[in-house]
Structures are given as structure tokens and as C-alpha cells.
């Protein structure tokens, strides 16, 4: 996710975790690299779809993701409790129709739950290195759970209705250019989003998944998930509860969904499992004239007794 529950929970826990080290940015070209969830490369995050990379210091360690984050890294320090990292990088990918300037509607409810004394130092339009429009926001606050003063940099951009967000958290006062450079290393990869061929049984799995989502039958949809499914610690039973929320993009409870077609852009078989990524092209009753591309979420499928099922991000 790649993104999990609801927009209001997008980055729950982001400012509670933190780490620090001197940045030494990864310089390896990403055009020939596999997505990070298939083959990690220290110092470089590679997303499947949308296809982009983010560089970070090679000695930062990976952290368990939360909310809508797809990747998090930081460095432990001896002066911080175990599990706390500062500075810290988190990357989120999520569908949201709002324009970038309305970022506060998404992030402020989370910040207010986790942080006190919030101040917004900057809130301005920006752009990536290739000219892609972006929004830069820098805030300061005190984490309720730890009492630590944190500075947070949000760099947000969009592809259609997909928000891609890099978040850098530090406790050294206003973030310096070295840390901002991490956020601004976000680079989209043209040519990495073309469809790939998959075996007929895999194609049938995706087609039936879309058909069942449009049918709004929760029981049928859940049959496409392995009983061993696990994604960011989320079980099949927990996911079923998430699917009861009509706000979830592909939820059977979303009665307005009338069409769905899956495009696979990443497919790598590994024995009885396969890594996958791509997007679902959806149409609903409200926006019949505009199909939305929603990212696939679960990264891995498994063949159980001749049937493909979602397996999640577990190894």
C-alpha cells in the first residue's frame, strides 16, 4: 500500500516514532530496480504503482508502517526509548479527491489526536525536481505520549486522485535542508506503469475480484483472501470489519461502485506466491464520466489448492 483504513487514520502514529543520522543519499538509478516490497535496496525506496522513488540515508533502519504509510525508516538513538526514531521518514500513498491545499482536512485531525501546541511554520505551493506540482507544509508540536518536541515536514503531490506524501520528522528544531532534501528526492518514473502479462488463472483471479466488489457481496469478496492473510499486522477478520465501511474505496458496502477493472503493472512469481502491484480502474454512480485509478493494496497473492488468494505483505 498499500494504504489501509480511512483517510482520517492516514498517518496515525507518525509523530510517535522517530531516529537520526547524517544523510548520505542513495545515488543508484531506480529504473532497473524492483519495488522495495520485492527486493529492498538500502537508501532507496521504490514504489510499484504509482511508480516513484525516494532516497534516504543508507544507515536508516526500516520501521513497521502504520495507517496509510507504505514505508517508514529512521535511526534509533541511545538517548531515546526503544522503538523511538528521530529523524524519521514515512511515505504514504492514498486515494483522496481533495486538492493539495486542503491538506489540513486530512492530517490535522490526526495531529490533534497525537500532538499538542501545534504551530504551522509554512504552508505553500511547491514542486518536485521534474516540475510536478506539490505542497510543502512544516509544523511543530509536542507529542502527547512522549513529551518530545517534533518538527514535521509534509511534502504532498498527486497523480489523478492519488496522493503521494513524504513525511520527515525531527527533533532538532526547524528542519534543515539536508532533511528537506530527503522529502524532495521523490521522483516519478515514467514508463514503469505499463501493464504486464500475467498467467490466465491470475488474470481470472483479478477479474473475479472486481466482479465481486461490484456485486457488493462481502462474503464473496472475503473468499478471495487467504485465512492466513496478514498486512501490516492486519488479519482477514479485521479487514472484513474495514470492508463494512462504505468509505473504503473498494468496499462491497460502497453501493455506488458500478465498474471495476484491474491492471497489473508488477508481477513476480515466487513458488506458490507472487508479488503484484498495479491499479483498479473504477467507476461509480456519482462520477460516471470519470474513472478513478485506485492502487492495489495487498502486495502478494498465494495459490492455495489451485485458487489464488490475497496473502498480504508478510514474508
Protein backbone atom coordinates (compact mmCIF):
# COMPACT_ATOMS: atom_id res chain seq x y z
CA UNK A 1 0.00 0.00 0.00
CA UNK A 2 -0.51 -0.07 0.14
CA UNK A 3 -2.99 2.28 2.21
CA UNK A 4 -5.30 0.77 4.70
CA UNK A 5 -8.20 2.08 6.64
CA UNK A 6 -9.72 5.58 6.33
CA UNK A 7 -8.37 9.00 5.41
CA UNK A 8 -8.72 10.18 9.00
CA UNK A 9 -6.30 7.42 10.10
CA UNK A 10 -3.78 8.02 7.32
CA UNK A 11 -0.74 8.62 9.40
CA UNK A 12 -1.83 7.56 12.88
CA UNK A 13 1.27 7.16 14.99
CA UNK A 14 3.60 9.05 12.63
CA UNK A 15 4.83 11.58 15.18
CA UNK A 16 5.11 8.96 17.91
CA UNK A 17 8.00 7.19 16.24
CA UNK A 18 11.34 8.72 15.40
CA UNK A 19 15.53 8.39 14.52
CA UNK A 20 18.65 10.36 13.44
CA UNK A 21 21.83 10.09 11.36
CA UNK A 22 23.84 12.15 8.88
CA UNK A 23 22.13 11.83 5.50
CA UNK A 24 24.14 10.22 2.71
CA UNK A 25 21.63 9.95 -0.10
CA UNK A 26 21.43 6.85 -2.26
CA UNK A 27 22.51 7.59 -5.81
CA UNK A 28 21.64 4.29 -7.51
CA UNK A 29 19.40 4.67 -10.58
CA UNK A 30 15.99 3.13 -9.94
CA UNK A 31 14.93 2.34 -13.49
CA UNK A 32 16.15 -1.27 -13.23
CA UNK A 33 15.30 -1.84 -9.59
CA UNK A 34 12.43 -3.94 -8.31
CA UNK A 35 9.86 -2.38 -5.95
CA UNK A 36 11.04 -2.33 -2.35
CA UNK A 37 8.39 -4.82 -1.20
CA UNK A 38 10.02 -7.38 -3.55
CA UNK A 39 13.72 -6.54 -3.23
CA UNK A 40 14.78 -3.82 -0.75
CA UNK A 41 17.69 -1.53 -1.65
CA UNK A 42 19.22 0.31 1.34
CA UNK A 43 18.89 4.06 0.87
CA UNK A 44 16.26 3.91 -1.85
CA UNK A 45 12.52 3.26 -1.64
CA UNK A 46 10.96 2.05 -4.91
CA UNK A 47 7.16 2.06 -5.17
CA UNK A 48 5.32 -0.28 -7.54
CA UNK A 49 2.28 1.81 -8.53
CA UNK A 50 2.33 4.72 -8.83
CA UNK A 51 5.97 4.21 -9.85
CA UNK A 52 8.30 6.52 -7.92
CA UNK A 53 11.41 6.50 -5.75
CA UNK A 54 12.52 8.30 -2.59
CA UNK A 55 16.16 8.43 -1.44
CA UNK A 56 17.15 8.39 2.23
CA UNK A 57 20.32 7.81 4.29
CA UNK A 58 21.50 4.23 3.81
CA UNK A 59 22.03 3.65 7.52
CA UNK A 60 18.45 4.47 8.49
CA UNK A 61 16.59 1.31 9.58
CA UNK A 62 13.18 0.19 8.40
CA UNK A 63 10.27 0.66 10.81
CA UNK A 64 6.90 -1.08 10.92
CA UNK A 65 4.41 1.01 8.93
CA UNK A 66 1.15 2.36 10.32
CA UNK A 67 -2.02 3.82 8.84
CA UNK A 68 -1.71 4.63 5.14
CA UNK A 69 2.09 4.54 5.15
CA UNK A 70 3.72 2.21 2.65
CA UNK A 71 7.26 2.63 4.02
CA UNK A 72 8.97 4.06 7.10
CA UNK A 73 12.64 4.36 8.11
CA UNK A 74 14.61 6.08 10.86
CA UNK A 75 17.51 5.57 13.26
CA UNK A 76 17.43 4.57 16.91
CA UNK A 77 19.37 6.74 19.35
CA UNK A 78 20.71 5.81 22.76
CA UNK A 79 19.08 8.90 24.28
CA UNK A 80 15.62 7.79 23.09
CA UNK A 81 13.40 4.96 24.36
CA UNK A 82 13.41 1.68 22.36
CA UNK A 83 11.21 1.91 19.29
CA UNK A 84 11.52 5.70 19.04
CA UNK A 85 13.36 7.07 15.99
CA UNK A 86 14.40 10.67 15.18
CA UNK A 87 14.69 11.88 12.45
CA UNK A 88 12.26 9.63 10.67
CA UNK A 89 10.84 9.26 7.15
CA UNK A 90 7.41 7.92 6.27
CA UNK A 91 5.86 7.60 2.82
CA UNK A 92 2.10 7.39 2.24
CA UNK A 93 0.11 6.60 -0.91
CA UNK A 94 -3.66 7.05 -0.75
CA UNK A 95 -6.69 7.90 -2.87
CA UNK A 96 -8.24 11.25 -2.00
CA UNK A 97 -10.17 13.68 -4.24
CA UNK A 98 -9.24 16.82 -2.26
CA UNK A 99 -6.83 19.40 -3.74
CA UNK A 100 -3.41 19.61 -2.08
CA UNK A 101 -4.13 22.96 -0.45
CA UNK A 102 -6.78 21.25 1.69
CA UNK A 103 -4.18 19.00 3.35
CA UNK A 104 -5.30 20.07 6.84
CA UNK A 105 -8.65 18.27 6.44
CA UNK A 106 -6.70 15.01 6.22
CA UNK A 107 -3.76 15.47 8.55
CA UNK A 108 -4.85 17.91 11.24
CA UNK A 109 -7.38 15.56 12.88
CA UNK A 110 -4.55 13.04 13.31
CA UNK A 111 -2.08 15.66 14.55
CA UNK A 112 -4.60 16.95 17.08
CA UNK A 113 -5.09 13.44 18.48
CA UNK A 114 -1.37 12.87 18.91
CA UNK A 115 0.17 16.29 19.40
CA UNK A 116 -0.25 19.47 21.44
CA UNK A 117 0.98 23.06 20.88
CA UNK A 118 0.80 22.67 17.10
CA UNK A 119 2.21 25.52 15.03
CA UNK A 120 2.31 25.73 11.23
CA UNK A 121 5.59 27.36 10.17
CA UNK A 122 4.97 27.17 6.43
CA UNK A 123 2.18 26.18 4.07
CA UNK A 124 2.97 26.91 0.46
CA UNK A 125 2.79 25.56 -3.10
CA UNK A 126 5.96 23.90 -4.31
CA UNK A 127 7.13 21.45 -6.97
CA UNK A 128 9.24 18.34 -7.40
CA UNK A 129 12.51 18.31 -9.32
CA UNK A 130 10.68 17.45 -12.56
CA UNK A 131 8.20 20.31 -12.10
CA UNK A 132 5.32 18.22 -10.73
CA UNK A 133 3.13 20.50 -8.56
CA UNK A 134 3.41 19.82 -4.82
CA UNK A 135 2.53 21.33 -1.45
CA UNK A 136 5.07 21.89 1.33
CA UNK A 137 3.93 22.17 4.95
CA UNK A 138 6.12 22.39 8.05
CA UNK A 139 4.69 22.10 11.54
CA UNK A 140 5.90 21.98 15.13
CA UNK A 141 4.29 20.25 18.11
CA UNK A 142 4.78 18.21 21.26
CA UNK A 143 3.95 14.50 21.13
CA UNK A 144 1.42 13.69 23.85
CA UNK A 145 2.73 10.19 24.54
CA UNK A 146 6.41 11.11 24.95
CA UNK A 147 6.58 14.85 25.58
CA UNK A 148 9.09 15.18 22.72
CA UNK A 149 9.07 18.34 20.64
CA UNK A 150 8.91 17.38 16.96
CA UNK A 151 9.11 19.24 13.68
CA UNK A 152 7.21 17.66 10.78
CA UNK A 153 7.69 18.32 7.07
CA UNK A 154 4.89 17.19 4.74
CA UNK A 155 5.58 17.19 1.00
CA UNK A 156 2.44 16.24 -0.91
CA UNK A 157 1.78 15.69 -4.59
CA UNK A 158 -0.93 13.99 -6.68
CA UNK A 159 -1.43 11.68 -9.65
CA UNK A 160 -5.12 11.82 -10.58
CA UNK A 161 -6.77 11.25 -7.17
CA UNK A 162 -3.74 9.51 -5.65
CA UNK A 163 -1.88 11.50 -3.01
CA UNK A 164 1.81 10.67 -2.60
CA UNK A 165 3.18 12.10 0.64
CA UNK A 166 6.70 12.15 2.06
CA UNK A 167 6.87 12.96 5.77
CA UNK A 168 10.08 13.81 7.61
CA UNK A 169 10.02 14.15 11.41
CA UNK A 170 12.91 15.54 13.53
CA UNK A 171 13.52 16.97 17.00
CA UNK A 172 16.36 19.36 16.16
CA UNK A 173 14.28 22.49 15.67
CA UNK A 174 13.29 23.70 12.20
CA UNK A 175 14.23 21.09 9.63
CA UNK A 176 17.43 21.77 7.73
CA UNK A 177 17.98 21.48 4.01
CA UNK A 178 19.59 18.04 4.43
CA UNK A 179 16.33 16.61 5.77
CA UNK A 180 14.17 18.52 3.31
CA UNK A 181 16.27 17.02 0.54
CA UNK A 182 15.02 13.59 1.57
CA UNK A 183 11.39 14.63 1.04
CA UNK A 184 12.21 16.35 -2.25
CA UNK A 185 14.03 13.29 -3.59
CA UNK A 186 10.58 11.95 -4.56
CA UNK A 187 10.88 11.12 -8.28
CA UNK A 188 8.19 9.66 -10.51
CA UNK A 189 9.31 7.01 -13.01
CA UNK A 190 7.73 7.39 -16.48
CA UNK A 191 7.46 4.12 -18.37
CA UNK A 192 7.26 1.96 -15.24
CA UNK A 193 3.46 1.82 -15.17
CA UNK A 194 2.68 -0.16 -18.32
CA UNK A 195 0.56 -3.32 -17.98
CA UNK A 196 2.37 -6.66 -17.75
CA UNK A 197 1.13 -10.06 -18.85
CA UNK A 198 0.03 -12.48 -16.13
CA UNK A 199 -0.97 -16.16 -16.36
CA UNK A 200 -4.62 -16.82 -17.27
CA UNK A 201 -5.51 -18.08 -13.78
CA UNK A 202 -4.05 -14.93 -12.20
CA UNK A 203 -5.96 -12.77 -14.68
CA UNK A 204 -9.14 -14.65 -13.77
CA UNK A 205 -8.45 -14.01 -10.06
CA UNK A 206 -8.29 -10.25 -10.58
CA UNK A 207 -11.31 -10.19 -12.89
CA UNK A 208 -13.43 -12.13 -10.43
CA UNK A 209 -12.27 -9.91 -7.57
CA UNK A 210 -13.55 -6.86 -9.41
CA UNK A 211 -16.81 -8.58 -10.32
CA UNK A 212 -17.43 -9.49 -6.70
CA UNK A 213 -16.58 -5.99 -5.44
CA UNK A 214 -19.20 -4.55 -7.78
CA UNK A 215 -21.72 -7.15 -6.56
CA UNK A 216 -21.47 -5.67 -3.03
CA UNK A 217 -21.41 -9.18 -1.51
CA UNK A 218 -18.98 -9.05 1.42
CA UNK A 219 -18.89 -12.82 1.94
CA UNK A 220 -17.92 -13.43 -1.70
CA UNK A 221 -15.26 -10.72 -1.58
CA UNK A 222 -13.68 -12.14 1.58
CA UNK A 223 -13.40 -15.55 -0.10
CA UNK A 224 -10.61 -14.01 -2.19
CA UNK A 225 -8.45 -13.60 0.94
CA UNK A 226 -6.41 -16.39 2.47
CA UNK A 227 -7.26 -17.32 6.06
CA UNK A 228 -3.53 -16.68 6.63
CA UNK A 229 -3.77 -13.14 5.21
CA UNK A 230 -1.75 -10.55 7.08
CA UNK A 231 -0.94 -6.99 6.03
CA UNK A 232 0.80 -4.52 8.34
CA UNK A 233 -0.39 -6.74 11.18
CA UNK A 234 -3.99 -6.66 9.95
CA UNK A 235 -5.77 -10.03 9.85
CA UNK A 236 -8.50 -11.22 7.49
CA UNK A 237 -11.08 -10.80 10.27
CA UNK A 238 -10.00 -7.21 10.90
CA UNK A 239 -10.06 -6.45 7.17
CA UNK A 240 -13.62 -7.73 6.97
CA UNK A 241 -14.62 -5.10 9.51
CA UNK A 242 -12.82 -2.44 7.43
CA UNK A 243 -14.74 -3.56 4.35
CA UNK A 244 -18.02 -2.82 6.13
CA UNK A 245 -17.13 0.88 5.92
CA UNK A 246 -18.56 2.38 2.69
CA UNK A 247 -15.77 4.99 2.75
CA UNK A 248 -13.21 2.31 1.91
CA UNK A 249 -12.57 2.67 -1.90
CA UNK A 250 -13.27 -0.95 -2.97
CA UNK A 251 -15.57 -1.88 -0.10
CA UNK A 252 -18.60 -4.03 -1.00
CA UNK A 253 -20.51 -1.57 1.19
CA UNK A 254 -19.76 1.20 -1.32
CA UNK A 255 -23.03 0.83 -3.19
CA UNK A 256 -22.11 3.50 -5.73
CA UNK A 257 -19.36 1.32 -7.27
CA UNK A 258 -20.64 0.07 -10.64
CA UNK A 259 -17.50 -0.90 -12.58
CA UNK A 260 -14.01 -2.20 -11.79
CA UNK A 261 -11.11 -3.37 -13.97
CA UNK A 262 -7.67 -4.34 -12.66
CA UNK A 263 -4.40 -3.53 -14.44
CA UNK A 264 -1.28 -5.34 -13.23
CA UNK A 265 1.99 -3.40 -13.61
CA UNK A 266 4.18 -5.61 -11.38
CA UNK A 267 4.11 -9.41 -11.36
CA UNK A 268 6.86 -11.61 -9.97
CA UNK A 269 6.09 -15.26 -9.14
CA UNK A 270 7.88 -16.91 -6.21
CA UNK A 271 6.83 -20.56 -5.89
CA UNK A 272 3.23 -20.75 -4.71
CA UNK A 273 3.19 -16.98 -4.19
CA UNK A 274 3.53 -13.95 -6.42
CA UNK A 275 4.28 -10.29 -5.81
CA UNK A 276 1.82 -7.98 -7.56
CA UNK A 277 1.07 -4.31 -7.95
CA UNK A 278 -1.00 -2.09 -10.19
CA UNK A 279 -4.34 -0.35 -10.03
CA UNK A 280 -8.09 -0.87 -10.28
CA UNK A 281 -9.91 1.41 -12.71
CA UNK A 282 -13.26 2.11 -11.06
CA UNK A 283 -16.44 3.96 -11.99
CA UNK A 284 -19.24 4.85 -9.61
CA UNK A 285 -22.71 6.30 -9.97
CA UNK A 286 -21.58 9.72 -8.79
CA UNK A 287 -18.72 10.10 -11.31
CA UNK A 288 -19.78 8.08 -14.33
CA UNK A 289 -17.82 10.40 -16.61
CA UNK A 290 -14.51 9.98 -14.80
CA UNK A 291 -12.91 6.64 -13.96
CA UNK A 292 -10.65 6.58 -10.91
CA UNK A 293 -7.40 4.64 -10.61
CA UNK A 294 -7.11 3.11 -7.16
CA UNK A 295 -3.85 1.35 -6.17
CA UNK A 296 -3.85 -2.34 -5.35
CA UNK A 297 -3.24 -2.77 -1.66
CA UNK A 298 -2.01 -6.14 -0.60
CA UNK A 299 1.30 -6.81 -2.47
CA UNK A 300 1.19 -10.61 -2.51
CA UNK A 301 -1.07 -13.45 -3.63
CA UNK A 302 -0.82 -17.16 -2.79
CA UNK A 303 -2.05 -20.25 -4.60
CA UNK A 304 -3.99 -22.42 -2.14
CA UNK A 305 -5.36 -25.70 -3.51
CA UNK A 306 -5.42 -24.32 -7.05
CA UNK A 307 -7.01 -20.97 -6.12
CA UNK A 308 -5.22 -17.63 -5.95
CA UNK A 309 -5.93 -15.55 -2.86
CA UNK A 310 -4.62 -12.35 -1.31
CA UNK A 311 -1.82 -13.03 1.17
CA UNK A 312 -0.65 -9.54 2.24
CA UNK A 313 2.82 -8.14 2.92
CA UNK A 314 4.06 -10.99 5.12
CA UNK A 315 7.21 -12.87 4.10
